[in-house]
Amino acid sequence: MGMVDGPQSSLFLTDAIREALHFYFALMRSRTQTPAALKAGCVFDVTHAQVTWLGWHAFFGVFSRKQACNSALVQALRHELDNPEFQPIQRALHSIVDMRWHRFTENIPN
């Protein structure tokens, strides 16, 4: 069994990831609301669900590379990604996120 394998470890880690994603969404939103950001014309036009899905996808991509050590965590991350709430986001971002390799493609629109 690997260091992060097992139901207790995967539950702890998915909760920690969920909290981190929520924190980073709030941080990005607050940073774009500062006077300097507003003066520079910064616009924060992403939803919490979009940030969360991209975050789950990124963690899944990292941990799935060593599935033998992280099988329970990879399964928990896959469960999070399969949330029906994320289906529209997954379809919308399909052209820029390579689902096979878990990385962005060259198709990011300007």
N, C-alpha and C. Protein backbone atom coordinates (compact mmCIF):
# COMPACT_ATOMS: atom_id res chain seq x y z
N MET A 1 0.84 -1.17 0.00
CA MET A 1 0.00 0.00 0.00
C MET A 1 0.90 1.24 0.00
N GLY A 2 0.54 2.22 -0.82
CA GLY A 2 1.30 3.45 -0.93
C GLY A 2 1.01 4.42 0.20
N MET A 3 1.73 5.50 0.19
CA MET A 3 1.62 6.47 1.27
C MET A 3 0.22 7.09 1.36
N VAL A 4 -0.43 7.35 0.23
CA VAL A 4 -1.74 8.00 0.26
C VAL A 4 -2.87 7.02 -0.09
N ASP A 5 -2.58 5.75 -0.15
CA ASP A 5 -3.60 4.79 -0.53
C ASP A 5 -4.45 4.41 0.68
N GLY A 6 -5.71 4.16 0.43
CA GLY A 6 -6.63 3.75 1.49
C GLY A 6 -7.76 4.73 1.63
N PRO A 7 -8.90 4.25 2.12
CA PRO A 7 -10.08 5.10 2.21
C PRO A 7 -9.92 6.30 3.13
N GLN A 8 -9.27 6.13 4.27
CA GLN A 8 -9.11 7.26 5.20
C GLN A 8 -8.21 8.33 4.60
N SER A 9 -7.12 7.90 3.99
CA SER A 9 -6.19 8.86 3.38
C SER A 9 -6.85 9.58 2.20
N SER A 10 -7.57 8.83 1.38
CA SER A 10 -8.19 9.47 0.21
C SER A 10 -9.29 10.44 0.65
N LEU A 11 -10.04 10.10 1.71
CA LEU A 11 -11.06 11.01 2.23
C LEU A 11 -10.41 12.29 2.75
N PHE A 12 -9.34 12.14 3.52
CA PHE A 12 -8.63 13.30 4.04
C PHE A 12 -8.11 14.17 2.90
N LEU A 13 -7.48 13.55 1.91
CA LEU A 13 -6.89 14.31 0.81
C LEU A 13 -7.95 14.96 -0.07
N THR A 14 -9.05 14.28 -0.36
CA THR A 14 -10.08 14.92 -1.18
C THR A 14 -10.71 16.09 -0.43
N ASP A 15 -10.88 15.96 0.88
CA ASP A 15 -11.38 17.10 1.66
C ASP A 15 -10.38 18.26 1.63
N ALA A 16 -9.10 17.95 1.75
CA ALA A 16 -8.07 19.00 1.71
C ALA A 16 -8.04 19.66 0.33
N ILE A 17 -8.16 18.87 -0.72
CA ILE A 17 -8.18 19.42 -2.08
C ILE A 17 -9.40 20.31 -2.27
N ARG A 18 -10.55 19.85 -1.81
CA ARG A 18 -11.79 20.63 -1.93
C ARG A 18 -11.64 21.99 -1.23
N GLU A 19 -11.07 21.97 -0.03
CA GLU A 19 -10.86 23.22 0.71
C GLU A 19 -9.86 24.13 -0.02
N ALA A 20 -8.81 23.54 -0.56
CA ALA A 20 -7.81 24.33 -1.30
C ALA A 20 -8.43 24.97 -2.54
N LEU A 21 -9.24 24.21 -3.27
CA LEU A 21 -9.87 24.76 -4.47
C LEU A 21 -10.82 25.89 -4.11
N HIS A 22 -11.57 25.73 -3.03
CA HIS A 22 -12.46 26.80 -2.58
C HIS A 22 -11.65 28.03 -2.18
N PHE A 23 -10.56 27.82 -1.46
CA PHE A 23 -9.70 28.93 -1.05
C PHE A 23 -9.13 29.67 -2.26
N TYR A 24 -8.62 28.92 -3.24
CA TYR A 24 -8.01 29.57 -4.40
C TYR A 24 -9.03 30.30 -5.26
N PHE A 25 -10.25 29.78 -5.34
CA PHE A 25 -11.30 30.52 -6.05
C PHE A 25 -11.54 31.85 -5.35
N ALA A 26 -11.71 31.81 -4.02
CA ALA A 26 -11.95 33.04 -3.26
C ALA A 26 -10.76 34.00 -3.37
N LEU A 27 -9.56 33.47 -3.37
CA LEU A 27 -8.37 34.31 -3.50
C LEU A 27 -8.32 35.00 -4.87
N MET A 28 -8.58 34.23 -5.93
CA MET A 28 -8.57 34.84 -7.28
C MET A 28 -9.65 35.91 -7.39
N ARG A 29 -10.82 35.62 -6.85
CA ARG A 29 -11.92 36.59 -6.92
C ARG A 29 -11.55 37.86 -6.15
N SER A 30 -10.99 37.71 -4.96
CA SER A 30 -10.66 38.89 -4.16
C SER A 30 -9.51 39.69 -4.79
N ARG A 31 -8.55 39.00 -5.39
CA ARG A 31 -7.43 39.71 -6.02
C ARG A 31 -7.87 40.53 -7.22
N THR A 32 -8.93 40.11 -7.88
CA THR A 32 -9.41 40.86 -9.04
C THR A 32 -10.36 41.97 -8.63
N GLN A 33 -10.65 42.09 -7.34
CA GLN A 33 -11.53 43.15 -6.83
C GLN A 33 -10.75 44.30 -6.20
N THR A 34 -9.42 44.20 -6.15
CA THR A 34 -8.63 45.27 -5.54
C THR A 34 -8.70 46.52 -6.41
N PRO A 35 -8.46 47.69 -5.82
CA PRO A 35 -8.48 48.91 -6.62
C PRO A 35 -7.50 48.86 -7.81
N ALA A 36 -6.32 48.32 -7.57
CA ALA A 36 -5.33 48.24 -8.67
C ALA A 36 -5.82 47.33 -9.79
N ALA A 37 -6.41 46.21 -9.41
CA ALA A 37 -6.91 45.27 -10.42
C ALA A 37 -8.07 45.89 -11.20
N LEU A 38 -8.97 46.56 -10.49
CA LEU A 38 -10.10 47.20 -11.17
C LEU A 38 -9.62 48.31 -12.10
N LYS A 39 -8.61 49.06 -11.65
CA LYS A 39 -8.06 50.13 -12.48
C LYS A 39 -7.41 49.55 -13.74
N ALA A 40 -6.80 48.38 -13.60
CA ALA A 40 -6.15 47.73 -14.74
C ALA A 40 -7.15 47.02 -15.64
N GLY A 41 -8.40 46.97 -15.22
CA GLY A 41 -9.43 46.35 -16.04
C GLY A 41 -9.55 44.85 -15.87
N CYS A 42 -9.05 44.32 -14.76
CA CYS A 42 -9.15 42.87 -14.52
C CYS A 42 -10.61 42.46 -14.39
N VAL A 43 -10.92 41.36 -15.00
CA VAL A 43 -12.26 40.79 -14.92
C VAL A 43 -12.13 39.34 -14.51
N PHE A 44 -12.88 38.94 -13.51
CA PHE A 44 -12.88 37.55 -13.04
C PHE A 44 -14.17 36.93 -13.53
N ASP A 45 -14.09 36.26 -14.67
CA ASP A 45 -15.28 35.75 -15.34
C ASP A 45 -15.28 34.23 -15.39
N VAL A 46 -15.03 33.59 -14.25
CA VAL A 46 -15.12 32.13 -14.15
C VAL A 46 -15.96 31.81 -12.93
N THR A 47 -16.61 30.66 -12.99
CA THR A 47 -17.46 30.26 -11.89
C THR A 47 -16.69 29.38 -10.91
N HIS A 48 -17.26 29.24 -9.74
CA HIS A 48 -16.66 28.34 -8.74
C HIS A 48 -16.60 26.92 -9.30
N ALA A 49 -17.63 26.51 -10.00
CA ALA A 49 -17.66 25.15 -10.58
C ALA A 49 -16.56 24.96 -11.62
N GLN A 50 -16.29 25.98 -12.44
CA GLN A 50 -15.22 25.87 -13.44
C GLN A 50 -13.86 25.72 -12.77
N VAL A 51 -13.59 26.55 -11.78
CA VAL A 51 -12.32 26.46 -11.06
C VAL A 51 -12.20 25.11 -10.36
N THR A 52 -13.28 24.66 -9.76
CA THR A 52 -13.27 23.38 -9.05
C THR A 52 -13.02 22.23 -10.00
N TRP A 53 -13.72 22.21 -11.14
CA TRP A 53 -13.52 21.13 -12.10
C TRP A 53 -12.08 21.10 -12.62
N LEU A 54 -11.55 22.28 -12.97
CA LEU A 54 -10.16 22.33 -13.46
C LEU A 54 -9.19 21.86 -12.38
N GLY A 55 -9.47 22.20 -11.13
CA GLY A 55 -8.62 21.75 -10.04
C GLY A 55 -8.68 20.24 -9.84
N TRP A 56 -9.90 19.68 -9.82
CA TRP A 56 -10.02 18.22 -9.71
C TRP A 56 -9.30 17.54 -10.86
N HIS A 57 -9.46 18.10 -12.04
CA HIS A 57 -8.82 17.53 -13.23
C HIS A 57 -7.30 17.55 -13.10
N ALA A 58 -6.77 18.64 -12.60
CA ALA A 58 -5.32 18.76 -12.43
C ALA A 58 -4.80 17.76 -11.40
N PHE A 59 -5.47 17.67 -10.26
CA PHE A 59 -5.04 16.70 -9.24
C PHE A 59 -5.17 15.27 -9.76
N PHE A 60 -6.25 14.98 -10.49
CA PHE A 60 -6.41 13.66 -11.06
C PHE A 60 -5.24 13.34 -12.00
N GLY A 61 -4.87 14.31 -12.83
CA GLY A 61 -3.75 14.11 -13.76
C GLY A 61 -2.45 13.82 -13.05
N VAL A 62 -2.20 14.50 -11.95
CA VAL A 62 -0.96 14.29 -11.20
C VAL A 62 -0.96 12.93 -10.50
N PHE A 63 -2.02 12.65 -9.76
CA PHE A 63 -2.04 11.42 -8.96
C PHE A 63 -2.28 10.16 -9.78
N SER A 64 -2.90 10.29 -10.94
CA SER A 64 -3.16 9.09 -11.75
C SER A 64 -1.89 8.57 -12.42
N ARG A 65 -0.84 9.34 -12.43
CA ARG A 65 0.42 8.87 -13.02
C ARG A 65 1.04 7.75 -12.20
N LYS A 66 0.74 7.70 -10.92
CA LYS A 66 1.25 6.65 -10.04
C LYS A 66 0.06 5.93 -9.41
N GLN A 67 -0.78 5.35 -10.26
CA GLN A 67 -2.02 4.74 -9.79
C GLN A 67 -1.79 3.62 -8.79
N ALA A 68 -0.70 2.88 -8.93
CA ALA A 68 -0.45 1.77 -8.01
C ALA A 68 -0.31 2.28 -6.58
N CYS A 69 0.27 3.46 -6.41
CA CYS A 69 0.47 4.02 -5.07
C CYS A 69 -0.75 4.81 -4.58
N ASN A 70 -1.58 5.26 -5.50
CA ASN A 70 -2.66 6.18 -5.16
C ASN A 70 -4.02 5.70 -5.62
N SER A 71 -4.24 4.41 -5.68
CA SER A 71 -5.47 3.90 -6.31
C SER A 71 -6.75 4.41 -5.65
N ALA A 72 -6.81 4.44 -4.33
CA ALA A 72 -8.01 4.92 -3.65
C ALA A 72 -8.22 6.41 -3.90
N LEU A 73 -7.15 7.18 -3.90
CA LEU A 73 -7.26 8.62 -4.16
C LEU A 73 -7.68 8.87 -5.61
N VAL A 74 -7.10 8.15 -6.55
CA VAL A 74 -7.45 8.31 -7.96
C VAL A 74 -8.93 7.98 -8.16
N GLN A 75 -9.40 6.95 -7.51
CA GLN A 75 -10.82 6.58 -7.60
C GLN A 75 -11.70 7.69 -7.01
N ALA A 76 -11.30 8.27 -5.90
CA ALA A 76 -12.06 9.36 -5.28
C ALA A 76 -12.06 10.60 -6.17
N LEU A 77 -10.93 10.90 -6.79
CA LEU A 77 -10.85 12.05 -7.69
C LEU A 77 -11.72 11.83 -8.92
N ARG A 78 -11.71 10.61 -9.46
CA ARG A 78 -12.56 10.28 -10.60
C ARG A 78 -14.02 10.47 -10.22
N HIS A 79 -14.39 10.07 -9.01
CA HIS A 79 -15.76 10.25 -8.53
C HIS A 79 -16.13 11.73 -8.50
N GLU A 80 -15.22 12.58 -8.03
CA GLU A 80 -15.47 14.02 -8.00
C GLU A 80 -15.65 14.57 -9.42
N LEU A 81 -14.81 14.13 -10.35
CA LEU A 81 -14.90 14.60 -11.74
C LEU A 81 -16.18 14.14 -12.41
N ASP A 82 -16.72 13.02 -11.98
CA ASP A 82 -17.94 12.48 -12.59
C ASP A 82 -19.21 13.12 -12.05
N ASN A 83 -19.08 14.10 -11.18
CA ASN A 83 -20.23 14.82 -10.63
C ASN A 83 -21.03 15.42 -11.79
N PRO A 84 -22.34 15.16 -11.87
CA PRO A 84 -23.15 15.70 -12.96
C PRO A 84 -23.10 17.22 -13.08
N GLU A 85 -22.81 17.90 -12.00
CA GLU A 85 -22.68 19.37 -12.03
C GLU A 85 -21.59 19.80 -13.02
N PHE A 86 -20.59 18.96 -13.21
CA PHE A 86 -19.46 19.33 -14.04
C PHE A 86 -19.62 18.97 -15.52
N GLN A 87 -20.67 18.25 -15.90
CA GLN A 87 -20.82 17.83 -17.29
C GLN A 87 -20.83 18.99 -18.28
N PRO A 88 -21.58 20.08 -18.02
CA PRO A 88 -21.53 21.21 -18.96
C PRO A 88 -20.14 21.85 -19.04
N ILE A 89 -19.45 21.89 -17.91
CA ILE A 89 -18.10 22.48 -17.90
C ILE A 89 -17.15 21.60 -18.69
N GLN A 90 -17.24 20.30 -18.49
CA GLN A 90 -16.38 19.38 -19.21
C GLN A 90 -16.60 19.50 -20.71
N ARG A 91 -17.85 19.61 -21.14
CA ARG A 91 -18.14 19.78 -22.57
C ARG A 91 -17.60 21.11 -23.08
N ALA A 92 -17.78 22.17 -22.29
CA ALA A 92 -17.33 23.50 -22.71
C ALA A 92 -15.81 23.59 -22.81
N LEU A 93 -15.10 22.90 -21.93
CA LEU A 93 -13.64 22.98 -21.91
C LEU A 93 -12.97 21.86 -22.69
N HIS A 94 -13.76 21.01 -23.29
CA HIS A 94 -13.21 19.85 -24.01
C HIS A 94 -12.22 20.25 -25.10
N SER A 95 -12.46 21.40 -25.74
CA SER A 95 -11.58 21.81 -26.84
C SER A 95 -10.22 22.30 -26.36
N ILE A 96 -10.09 22.66 -25.07
CA ILE A 96 -8.80 23.14 -24.59
C ILE A 96 -8.14 22.23 -23.56
N VAL A 97 -8.88 21.26 -23.04
CA VAL A 97 -8.30 20.32 -22.08
C VAL A 97 -8.23 18.95 -22.74
N ASP A 98 -7.02 18.42 -22.85
CA ASP A 98 -6.82 17.10 -23.43
C ASP A 98 -7.15 16.06 -22.36
N MET A 99 -8.29 15.41 -22.51
CA MET A 99 -8.76 14.49 -21.48
C MET A 99 -7.88 13.25 -21.36
N ARG A 100 -7.20 12.86 -22.42
CA ARG A 100 -6.35 11.68 -22.35
C ARG A 100 -5.07 11.94 -21.58
N TRP A 101 -4.53 13.10 -21.73
CA TRP A 101 -3.21 13.39 -21.13
C TRP A 101 -3.31 14.34 -19.96
N HIS A 102 -4.51 14.81 -19.67
CA HIS A 102 -4.74 15.67 -18.50
C HIS A 102 -3.85 16.91 -18.53
N ARG A 103 -3.89 17.55 -19.68
CA ARG A 103 -3.16 18.81 -19.80
C ARG A 103 -3.89 19.68 -20.80
N PHE A 104 -3.52 20.94 -20.85
CA PHE A 104 -4.14 21.85 -21.80
C PHE A 104 -3.55 21.62 -23.18
N THR A 105 -4.39 21.86 -24.20
CA THR A 105 -3.93 21.72 -25.57
C THR A 105 -3.58 23.10 -26.09
N GLU A 106 -3.26 23.16 -27.35
CA GLU A 106 -2.90 24.43 -27.98
C GLU A 106 -4.13 25.24 -28.40
N ASN A 107 -5.34 24.76 -28.13
CA ASN A 107 -6.56 25.37 -28.64
C ASN A 107 -7.16 26.44 -27.76
N ILE A 108 -6.39 27.03 -26.88
CA ILE A 108 -6.93 28.04 -25.98
C ILE A 108 -7.28 29.29 -26.80
N PRO A 109 -8.57 29.70 -26.75
CA PRO A 109 -8.98 30.87 -27.55
C PRO A 109 -8.40 32.17 -26.99
N ASN A 110 -8.22 33.13 -27.85
CA ASN A 110 -7.70 34.46 -27.43
C ASN A 110 -8.75 35.28 -26.78
